[in-house]
Amino acid sequence: MVHVLVLVPDFLLIACGFALCRFTPLGRSVWDGVERLVYFVLFPVLLFNSIVRSPLQPGATVGLAAAGLAVVACGIALAYALRLWPGVDARLHASGAQTAFRFNSFIALALAERLGGVQGVAWIALIIALAVPLCNVAAVWPLARQGGHGYAREIARNPLILATLAGFAANLGGLQWPDAVATTMQRIGLAALPLGLMTVGAGLKFGGLKAAPSLAAALLAIRHVVLPVVALLLCALLALPPAQATIVVMFAALPTAPSAYVLAVRMKVEASA
């Protein structure tokens, strides 16, 4: 119950972004720019700072990383398996399967900070760095059969992955910023969470479940019911500390990535939002 109350301000920020985008002159064009700012500048700085400020303990995070990857792998396997259901449209499945295992990084970072502070952000950054390439490859594979692109270059240039790797390198190298620079970067990171959550709200769309309601329900069940249960089992099996287990279960229950729609559109298959 305490965790639920802690997260109320985050959900209010999402609602605020939705209302501002829908009912004020600050429409979609404004939030497109804000989203790019958050994705390419604010969140990378937040990730970098969090990792630099957290002591690296590789032995203590092996189980965390393994659990995060196992959750994603389970989501991929279950999403692909839905293709075998009788009557499932191949094009709808190709575009929709990714929603079962991809995740919203904005919400992940915000919730990790709420639940685990700086250390929580560092832990989720590690999971994101490992999971994003796997998720993107798994999302593109069924779409590629419809004549799409190769996304290896985009994965290599992903700002969240680059910021995570740079943060680990800086931590290992003992990087120390001058006070003025450290304070500036800290303030940039603080701006990332509220703006990131507001962009999530601004990007919310409803009504995309009509084309294949059974498939959509199955994909949502994988994302929000099955994967959290899998995460709980993995945390118990790996005997993760409670703080790490909280981050893993939170990661497993995240809403899907809004970029799933963009990817489906770019690769010229069915998309709904």
Foldseek 3Di string as FASTA:
>chain_A
DVLVVLCVVLVVLLQVLQCCQPPHPCHPVNLVVLQCCLQQPLLLLLQLLLLLPDDDDPVQCPLLLVLLQVLLVVLLVLLVVCVPDPPDDLLVSLLPSLQLRAFAVLVLQLSLCSQPNSVSNNSVLSSCLVVVVVSVVSSVVSLCVLPADDCPVVNVVRSSNVSNVNSNVCNVVVDDDPPVVSVVSVVSNVVSNSSSSSSNSSLDDDDFCPPPVVSVVSSLCSQAPVSLVSLVVSCVVSVRPPSSSVSSSCRSHGGHYPCSQVRSVNSPTDHGD
